[in-house]
Amino acid sequence: MIETIKHRLDAYERLMRLDKPIGILLLLWPALWGLWLAAYAFPDLDNLLIFIVGVVVMRSFGCIVNDYADRGFDPHVERTRERPLATGEVSAYEAVMLSVFLLLLALLLVLQLNRLTVILAFIALPLAIVYPFLKRVFAFPQAWLGIAFGFSIPMAFAAQHGSLMTVAWVLMIANMFWAIAYDTEYAMVDREDDAKLGLKSSAILLGRYDVAGVMIAHALFLLVMLAVGYERQLGALYYVGLAAAAGLMGYQYRLIRGRGREDCFKAFLNNNWVGLAIFAGLALDLFLRVRMRWL
């Protein structure tokens, strides 16, 4: 009995991708950028905790929706054929029930925040649900992913201020370019399988210009982040963080230019450090500014 329960919990963990936290981190960094910029210092602790838990919950929900949508395709893709829904280890009914539970948990979290944040959460939800189905009809689903992953940014500003600022939407656009870059790297891993199945992605759309497309998206991301720093009058440490991120993007170029599956996946994973570098520069810069005001 205990072994059966442990096996089910392990299957649910893998369905929610809790054993692979990269998606949580790529969703978390933009939320943290938004919270710190909105507060222009350390954000309210309640908001911080709600957003961290909310990121984990919504990323888990998104993975279930993605696997439910792709349950007919995943058994035919090398990287995804062992996923619990693809193997039948978890039933479609179980997946739906688990996703409903996660949605209720997310609702309980967001109801702790103000009215504007709740409204934005209900706008963000369909963005997350629609994304997995776009691969059938939309040639550039990575752009939609960037908006869905970046919607935590205006929510962070709303939670912190009860209102929105233009910079929140600009930061969301920056995140869209970043997501296009890293998810194209991810799509380069599955390109051959996706093409056989008739699915769409930026890697297929760009063809031999895929590497150039990734680097252009990275460059646009950095340019918008520079504009954000200028508009918010951020200091040197923020720009050091951006410089470190640019160095990491250069490393990613070295990985993806040969288009090998393993190297493209390494480049995708490396984006966690890009997000961390920018957050570290931002948080340290704002911390020192607050400290200087106290002295």
Protein backbone atom coordinates (compact mmCIF):
# COMPACT_ATOMS: atom_id res chain seq x y z
CA MET A 1 0.00 0.00 0.00
CA ILE A 2 2.73 2.46 1.00
CA GLU A 3 4.75 1.56 -2.09
CA THR A 4 1.70 2.16 -4.30
CA ILE A 5 1.15 5.61 -2.76
CA LYS A 6 4.83 6.47 -3.18
CA HIS A 7 4.67 5.40 -6.81
CA ARG A 8 1.59 7.55 -7.49
CA LEU A 9 3.15 10.58 -5.78
CA ASP A 10 6.34 10.08 -7.81
CA ALA A 11 4.29 9.95 -11.02
CA TYR A 12 2.42 13.14 -10.07
CA GLU A 13 5.72 14.84 -9.22
CA ARG A 14 7.08 14.00 -12.66
CA LEU A 15 3.82 15.07 -14.31
CA MET A 16 4.16 18.48 -12.63
CA ARG A 17 7.87 18.50 -13.52
CA LEU A 18 8.85 19.20 -9.91
CA ASP A 19 11.87 16.98 -10.54
CA LYS A 20 12.97 19.46 -13.26
CA PRO A 21 12.84 22.94 -11.69
CA ILE A 22 14.20 24.86 -14.69
CA GLY A 23 10.68 25.91 -15.72
CA ILE A 24 9.96 27.18 -12.22
CA LEU A 25 13.13 29.25 -12.27
CA LEU A 26 12.49 30.74 -15.72
CA LEU A 27 9.04 31.77 -14.50
CA LEU A 28 10.32 32.96 -11.13
CA TRP A 29 13.05 35.37 -12.25
CA PRO A 30 10.71 37.76 -14.12
CA ALA A 31 8.32 37.75 -11.15
CA LEU A 32 11.20 38.69 -8.84
CA TRP A 33 12.40 41.41 -11.23
CA GLY A 34 8.89 42.83 -11.17
CA LEU A 35 8.53 42.69 -7.38
CA TRP A 36 11.90 44.35 -6.73
CA LEU A 37 11.38 47.05 -9.36
CA ALA A 38 7.85 47.73 -8.14
CA ALA A 39 9.05 48.11 -4.54
CA TYR A 40 12.30 49.80 -5.61
CA ALA A 41 13.76 47.81 -2.71
CA PHE A 42 12.83 44.60 -0.90
CA PRO A 43 9.15 43.86 -1.63
CA ASP A 44 6.49 43.12 0.98
CA LEU A 45 7.25 39.71 2.47
CA ASP A 46 3.63 38.52 2.06
CA ASN A 47 3.69 39.36 -1.64
CA LEU A 48 7.07 37.68 -2.09
CA LEU A 49 5.93 34.42 -0.50
CA ILE A 50 2.64 34.37 -2.43
CA PHE A 51 4.42 34.92 -5.73
CA ILE A 52 7.05 32.25 -5.06
CA VAL A 53 4.45 29.64 -4.15
CA GLY A 54 2.20 30.85 -6.98
CA VAL A 55 4.99 30.39 -9.52
CA VAL A 56 5.50 26.77 -8.42
CA VAL A 57 1.76 26.07 -8.51
CA MET A 58 1.11 27.67 -11.90
CA ARG A 59 4.16 26.14 -13.54
CA SER A 60 2.99 22.73 -12.30
CA PHE A 61 -0.49 23.45 -13.66
CA GLY A 62 0.97 24.53 -16.99
CA CYS A 63 2.99 21.32 -17.29
CA ILE A 64 -0.12 19.21 -16.75
CA VAL A 65 -2.07 21.18 -19.37
CA ASN A 66 0.86 20.86 -21.77
CA ASP A 67 1.14 17.09 -21.30
CA TYR A 68 -2.63 16.65 -21.55
CA ALA A 69 -2.65 18.58 -24.84
CA ASP A 70 0.35 16.61 -26.15
CA ARG A 71 -0.59 13.16 -24.85
CA GLY A 72 -1.08 11.96 -28.42
CA PHE A 73 2.24 13.38 -29.60
CA ASP A 74 4.62 12.79 -26.67
CA PRO A 75 4.96 9.00 -27.20
CA HIS A 76 6.48 9.76 -30.64
CA VAL A 77 9.03 12.35 -29.43
CA GLU A 78 12.37 11.08 -28.10
CA ARG A 79 12.61 13.57 -25.24
CA THR A 80 8.99 13.20 -24.01
CA ARG A 81 8.07 9.55 -24.59
CA GLU A 82 8.64 8.65 -20.91
CA ARG A 83 6.33 11.32 -19.48
CA PRO A 84 3.63 9.85 -17.19
CA LEU A 85 0.68 10.69 -19.47
CA ALA A 86 2.54 9.44 -22.55
CA THR A 87 3.25 6.06 -20.93
CA GLY A 88 -0.21 5.71 -19.36
CA GLU A 89 1.29 5.77 -15.87
CA VAL A 90 -1.12 8.64 -15.10
CA SER A 91 -4.58 8.72 -16.65
CA ALA A 92 -6.13 11.74 -18.37
CA TYR A 93 -8.76 11.85 -15.60
CA GLU A 94 -6.08 11.99 -12.90
CA ALA A 95 -4.32 14.78 -14.77
CA VAL A 96 -7.53 16.84 -14.98
CA MET A 97 -8.29 16.35 -11.28
CA LEU A 98 -4.75 17.35 -10.28
CA SER A 99 -4.91 20.45 -12.47
CA VAL A 100 -8.23 21.46 -10.87
CA PHE A 101 -6.66 21.07 -7.42
CA LEU A 102 -3.73 23.29 -8.44
CA LEU A 103 -6.09 25.91 -9.84
CA LEU A 104 -8.01 26.03 -6.57
CA LEU A 105 -4.74 26.42 -4.69
CA ALA A 106 -3.70 29.25 -7.03
CA LEU A 107 -7.09 30.91 -6.47
CA LEU A 108 -6.62 30.78 -2.70
CA LEU A 109 -3.22 32.42 -3.10
CA VAL A 110 -4.30 35.22 -5.43
CA LEU A 111 -7.34 36.07 -3.29
CA GLN A 112 -4.88 37.18 -0.63
CA LEU A 113 -3.87 40.03 -2.95
CA ASN A 114 -5.68 43.17 -4.06
CA ARG A 115 -8.51 43.41 -6.59
CA LEU A 116 -6.36 44.54 -9.54
CA THR A 117 -4.00 41.59 -9.09
CA VAL A 118 -6.95 39.20 -8.99
CA ILE A 119 -8.26 40.67 -12.27
CA LEU A 120 -4.84 40.27 -13.90
CA ALA A 121 -4.65 36.69 -12.64
CA PHE A 122 -7.87 35.85 -14.45
CA ILE A 123 -6.38 37.35 -17.63
CA ALA A 124 -3.17 35.34 -17.16
CA LEU A 125 -5.00 32.03 -16.76
CA PRO A 126 -6.25 31.64 -20.36
CA LEU A 127 -2.81 32.68 -21.61
CA ALA A 128 -1.35 29.69 -19.76
CA ILE A 129 -4.08 27.29 -20.90
CA VAL A 130 -4.02 28.25 -24.59
CA TYR A 131 -0.23 28.03 -25.07
CA PRO A 132 0.10 24.21 -25.33
CA PHE A 133 -2.52 24.09 -28.07
CA LEU A 134 -0.89 26.81 -30.22
CA LYS A 135 1.75 24.44 -31.57
CA ARG A 136 -0.90 23.03 -33.88
CA VAL A 137 -1.95 26.31 -35.50
CA PHE A 138 0.50 29.14 -34.70
CA ALA A 139 3.97 29.22 -36.30
CA PHE A 140 5.53 31.25 -33.49
CA PRO A 141 4.16 29.91 -30.15
CA GLN A 142 7.33 31.03 -28.32
CA ALA A 143 6.14 34.65 -28.45
CA TRP A 144 2.90 33.66 -26.69
CA LEU A 145 4.94 31.77 -24.07
CA GLY A 146 6.92 34.93 -23.38
CA ILE A 147 3.75 36.89 -22.68
CA ALA A 148 2.30 34.10 -20.54
CA PHE A 149 5.53 33.71 -18.54
CA GLY A 150 5.91 37.48 -18.24
CA PHE A 151 2.41 38.25 -17.01
CA SER A 152 3.64 37.85 -13.45
CA ILE A 153 5.41 41.20 -13.94
CA PRO A 154 2.33 43.46 -14.17
CA MET A 155 0.78 41.29 -11.45
CA ALA A 156 3.79 42.03 -9.24
CA PHE A 157 3.40 45.78 -9.80
CA ALA A 158 -0.31 45.54 -9.11
CA ALA A 159 0.26 43.56 -5.90
CA GLN A 160 2.87 46.01 -4.66
CA HIS A 161 1.18 49.29 -5.68
CA GLY A 162 -2.45 48.53 -6.41
CA SER A 163 -1.84 50.14 -9.81
CA LEU A 164 0.21 49.59 -12.94
CA MET A 165 3.16 51.50 -14.38
CA THR A 166 4.33 51.64 -18.00
CA VAL A 167 7.63 50.03 -17.03
CA ALA A 168 5.74 46.87 -16.01
CA TRP A 169 4.57 46.32 -19.59
CA VAL A 170 8.00 47.23 -20.99
CA LEU A 171 9.59 44.65 -18.69
CA MET A 172 7.03 42.10 -19.87
CA ILE A 173 8.02 42.79 -23.49
CA ALA A 174 11.67 42.27 -22.51
CA ASN A 175 10.73 38.93 -21.02
CA MET A 176 8.91 38.01 -24.22
CA PHE A 177 12.15 38.42 -26.21
CA TRP A 178 14.05 36.40 -23.62
CA ALA A 179 11.47 33.59 -23.77
CA ILE A 180 11.65 33.57 -27.57
CA ALA A 181 15.41 33.06 -27.28
CA TYR A 182 15.44 30.29 -24.70
CA ASP A 183 12.37 28.47 -25.97
CA THR A 184 13.74 28.48 -29.50
CA GLU A 185 16.83 26.76 -28.10
CA TYR A 186 14.46 24.27 -26.47
CA ALA A 187 12.54 23.84 -29.73
CA MET A 188 15.79 23.16 -31.59
CA VAL A 189 16.08 19.97 -29.52
CA ASP A 190 12.72 18.66 -30.77
CA ARG A 191 12.73 20.16 -34.26
CA GLU A 192 12.94 16.92 -36.23
CA ASP A 193 10.26 15.18 -34.16
CA ASP A 194 7.97 18.22 -34.24
CA ALA A 195 8.29 18.53 -38.00
CA LYS A 196 7.34 14.87 -38.50
CA LEU A 197 4.26 15.32 -36.30
CA GLY A 198 3.18 18.52 -38.06
CA LEU A 199 3.72 20.71 -34.99
CA LYS A 200 4.93 24.29 -35.23
CA SER A 201 7.74 26.15 -33.46
CA SER A 202 10.10 29.08 -33.93
CA ALA A 203 12.94 26.62 -34.63
CA ILE A 204 10.98 25.20 -37.59
CA LEU A 205 9.84 28.63 -38.75
CA LEU A 206 13.35 30.13 -38.69
CA GLY A 207 15.02 27.12 -40.29
CA ARG A 208 18.70 27.80 -40.96
CA TYR A 209 18.32 31.23 -39.37
CA ASP A 210 17.49 29.70 -35.99
CA VAL A 211 20.80 30.58 -34.33
CA ALA A 212 20.60 34.14 -35.63
CA GLY A 213 17.02 34.36 -34.39
CA VAL A 214 18.03 33.27 -30.89
CA MET A 215 20.82 35.81 -30.69
CA ILE A 216 18.67 38.64 -32.09
CA ALA A 217 16.01 37.86 -29.48
CA HIS A 218 18.67 37.89 -26.76
CA ALA A 219 19.99 41.23 -28.06
CA LEU A 220 16.50 42.77 -28.08
CA PHE A 221 15.96 41.49 -24.54
CA LEU A 222 19.15 43.17 -23.34
CA LEU A 223 18.33 46.42 -25.16
CA VAL A 224 14.91 46.65 -23.51
CA MET A 225 16.45 45.81 -20.12
CA LEU A 226 18.95 48.63 -20.66
CA ALA A 227 16.02 50.96 -21.35
CA VAL A 228 14.33 49.77 -18.14
CA GLY A 229 17.49 50.49 -16.16
CA TYR A 230 17.77 53.96 -17.66
CA GLU A 231 14.10 54.80 -17.03
CA ARG A 232 14.24 53.54 -13.42
CA GLN A 233 17.60 55.29 -12.84
CA LEU A 234 19.33 52.11 -11.76
CA GLY A 235 23.02 52.08 -10.92
CA ALA A 236 26.21 50.31 -11.93
CA LEU A 237 25.47 46.97 -10.28
CA TYR A 238 22.35 46.50 -12.40
CA TYR A 239 24.42 47.00 -15.55
CA VAL A 240 27.06 44.59 -14.24
CA GLY A 241 24.26 42.02 -14.00
CA LEU A 242 23.26 42.73 -17.60
CA ALA A 243 26.90 42.41 -18.69
CA ALA A 244 27.13 39.02 -16.97
CA ALA A 245 23.92 37.98 -18.72
CA ALA A 246 25.40 39.06 -22.06
CA GLY A 247 28.47 36.91 -21.37
CA LEU A 248 26.24 33.91 -20.67
CA MET A 249 24.40 34.54 -23.94
CA GLY A 250 27.75 34.48 -25.73
CA TYR A 251 28.37 31.06 -24.19
CA GLN A 252 24.95 29.93 -25.41
CA TYR A 253 25.90 30.97 -28.94
CA ARG A 254 28.93 28.69 -28.78
CA LEU A 255 26.66 25.84 -27.71
CA ILE A 256 23.88 26.24 -30.29
CA ARG A 257 25.87 27.11 -33.41
CA GLY A 258 26.49 23.40 -34.06
CA ARG A 259 22.77 22.66 -33.47
CA GLY A 260 23.47 19.47 -31.53
CA ARG A 261 20.51 18.37 -29.40
CA GLU A 262 22.45 18.07 -26.14
CA ASP A 263 24.22 21.40 -26.63
CA CYS A 264 20.96 23.19 -27.48
CA PHE A 265 19.42 21.78 -24.31
CA LYS A 266 22.46 22.93 -22.29
CA ALA A 267 21.99 26.41 -23.75
CA PHE A 268 18.34 26.38 -22.74
CA LEU A 269 19.23 25.39 -19.16
CA ASN A 270 21.90 28.09 -19.03
CA ASN A 271 19.17 30.74 -19.12
CA ASN A 272 18.55 30.13 -15.42
CA TRP A 273 21.90 31.83 -14.80
CA VAL A 274 20.91 34.70 -17.10
CA GLY A 275 17.83 35.33 -14.97
CA LEU A 276 19.84 35.02 -11.76
CA ALA A 277 22.56 37.41 -12.96
CA ILE A 278 20.02 40.10 -13.78
CA PHE A 279 18.15 39.61 -10.52
CA ALA A 280 21.37 39.71 -8.48
CA GLY A 281 22.45 42.96 -10.13
CA LEU A 282 19.02 44.52 -9.66
CA ALA A 283 18.58 43.42 -6.04
CA LEU A 284 22.09 44.46 -5.00
CA ASP A 285 21.77 47.82 -6.72
CA LEU A 286 18.48 48.58 -4.98
CA PHE A 287 19.78 47.28 -1.64
CA LEU A 288 22.75 49.64 -1.76
CA ARG A 289 20.50 52.55 -2.73
CA VAL A 290 18.28 51.95 0.28
CA ARG A 291 21.29 51.52 2.54
CA MET A 292 22.78 54.81 1.32
CA ARG A 293 19.52 56.60 2.16
CA TRP A 294 19.68 55.22 5.69
CA LEU A 295 23.25 56.45 6.27
